[in-house]
Protein backbone atom coordinates (compact mmCIF):
# COMPACT_ATOMS: atom_id res chain seq x y z
CA UNK A 1 -0.17 0.08 -0.14
CA UNK A 2 1.34 3.42 -0.96
CA UNK A 3 -0.24 5.18 2.19
CA UNK A 4 0.61 4.02 5.53
CA UNK A 5 0.05 5.52 8.90
CA UNK A 6 3.10 7.69 9.09
CA UNK A 7 2.72 9.06 5.69
CA UNK A 8 -0.94 9.82 6.35
CA UNK A 9 0.43 11.89 9.12
CA UNK A 10 3.16 13.48 7.44
CA UNK A 11 0.64 14.69 4.33
CA UNK A 12 -1.87 15.90 7.14
CA UNK A 13 0.79 17.91 8.85
CA UNK A 14 1.80 19.34 5.67
CA UNK A 15 -1.93 20.54 4.81
CA UNK A 16 -2.60 21.85 7.91
CA UNK A 17 0.64 23.98 7.76
CA UNK A 18 -0.20 25.04 4.20
CA UNK A 19 -3.77 26.03 5.50
CA UNK A 20 -2.28 28.20 8.25
CA UNK A 21 0.20 29.99 5.75
CA UNK A 22 -2.71 30.71 3.62
CA UNK A 23 -4.85 31.76 6.50
CA UNK A 24 -1.94 34.21 7.71
CA UNK A 25 -0.38 35.04 4.41
CA UNK A 26 3.35 35.55 5.62
CA UNK A 27 5.72 37.37 3.34
CA UNK A 28 7.83 34.32 3.20
CA UNK A 29 5.68 32.10 1.32
CA UNK A 30 5.32 32.46 -2.51
CA UNK A 31 1.88 32.85 -4.10
CA UNK A 32 2.94 29.46 -6.20
CA UNK A 33 3.48 27.37 -3.20
CA UNK A 34 0.20 25.49 -3.96
CA UNK A 35 1.95 24.02 -7.16
CA UNK A 36 5.22 23.64 -5.44
CA UNK A 37 3.62 21.57 -2.44
CA UNK A 38 1.31 19.62 -4.96
CA UNK A 39 4.01 18.73 -7.39
CA UNK A 40 6.06 17.33 -4.51
CA UNK A 41 3.10 15.18 -3.49
CA UNK A 42 2.64 13.77 -7.13
CA UNK A 43 6.14 12.95 -7.48
CA UNK A 44 6.27 11.51 -3.95
CA UNK A 45 3.28 9.30 -4.56
CA UNK A 46 4.79 8.18 -8.07
CA UNK A 47 8.29 7.43 -6.51
CA UNK A 48 6.72 5.67 -3.57
CA UNK A 49 4.80 3.67 -6.16
CA UNK A 50 8.02 2.99 -8.26
CA UNK A 51 10.00 1.81 -5.24
CA UNK A 52 7.32 -0.41 -3.87
CA UNK A 53 7.13 -2.54 -7.01
CA UNK A 54 10.87 -2.31 -7.00
CA UNK A 55 11.06 -4.14 -3.55
CA UNK A 56 8.43 -6.27 -4.11
CA UNK A 57 10.55 -8.00 -6.94
CA UNK A 58 13.40 -10.21 -5.80
CA UNK A 59 15.84 -9.14 -8.40
CA UNK A 60 15.71 -5.38 -7.71
CA UNK A 61 19.25 -3.46 -7.18
CA UNK A 62 20.07 -0.24 -5.14
CA UNK A 63 20.84 1.19 -8.50
CA UNK A 64 17.19 1.32 -9.39
CA UNK A 65 16.54 3.28 -5.93
CA UNK A 66 19.30 5.66 -6.56
CA UNK A 67 18.05 6.53 -10.14
CA UNK A 68 14.79 6.86 -9.06
CA UNK A 69 16.07 9.61 -6.44
CA UNK A 70 18.21 11.02 -9.18
CA UNK A 71 15.25 11.10 -11.45
CA UNK A 72 13.15 12.94 -9.06
CA UNK A 73 15.94 15.40 -8.61
CA UNK A 74 16.12 16.09 -12.37
CA UNK A 75 12.30 16.55 -12.60
CA UNK A 76 12.33 19.06 -9.79
CA UNK A 77 14.95 20.95 -11.50
CA UNK A 78 13.00 21.01 -14.83
CA UNK A 79 9.89 22.10 -12.78
CA UNK A 80 11.95 25.21 -10.92
CA UNK A 81 13.24 26.14 -14.62
CA UNK A 82 10.15 25.87 -16.24
CA UNK A 83 8.66 28.72 -13.40
CA UNK A 84 11.57 30.51 -14.17
CA UNK A 85 10.72 30.69 -17.84
CA UNK A 86 7.31 31.96 -17.24
CA UNK A 87 8.91 35.14 -15.45
CA UNK A 88 7.57 34.36 -11.99
CA UNK A 89 7.66 37.24 -9.42
CA UNK A 90 10.22 37.02 -6.70
CA UNK A 91 11.81 33.82 -8.32
CA UNK A 92 14.39 33.61 -5.40
CA UNK A 93 11.39 33.18 -2.99
CA UNK A 94 10.18 30.58 -5.22
CA UNK A 95 13.24 28.60 -5.37
CA UNK A 96 13.62 28.85 -1.61
CA UNK A 97 10.15 27.56 -1.17
CA UNK A 98 10.73 24.92 -3.48
CA UNK A 99 13.97 23.47 -2.03
CA UNK A 100 12.33 23.44 1.51
CA UNK A 101 9.29 21.18 0.24
CA UNK A 102 11.87 19.09 -1.94
CA UNK A 103 14.17 18.53 1.03
CA UNK A 104 11.33 17.75 3.47
CA UNK A 105 9.98 15.17 1.22
CA UNK A 106 13.72 13.71 0.27
CA UNK A 107 14.29 13.28 4.13
CA UNK A 108 11.35 11.21 4.63
CA UNK A 109 12.00 9.33 1.55
CA UNK A 110 15.34 8.52 2.27
CA UNK A 111 14.69 7.13 5.69
CA UNK A 112 12.01 4.89 4.27
CA UNK A 113 14.54 3.73 1.72
CA UNK A 114 17.22 3.11 4.09
CA UNK A 115 14.66 1.11 6.27
CA UNK A 116 13.49 -0.98 3.29
CA UNK A 117 17.04 -1.54 2.23
CA UNK A 118 18.07 -2.52 5.66
CA UNK A 119 15.43 -5.03 5.86
CA UNK A 120 16.24 -6.74 2.49
């Protein structure tokens, strides 16, 4: 199953934090934060699905996991680059917001992957 109890709490916490930031509208949250947040959620769900399938098969290797993380990084760079081409207002704030959200998702992904690799 893609969703477990820990990931549910993580997503719920992120949604609560995002709701509070929308309510108070601080200056350090970019107006496209909604796109950043949901782009990372879709990437996270997609790569959890891919890694789950890789771990179910007995012929998986660590290289598959590393390549999926690298692919996620490349897709994230493309996302930031495309928003840069649109001439986003305050692009530095957009990039910082993206990096914060990206690092939060990667942190949880790496801990889950290390746990799964340790079990194998």
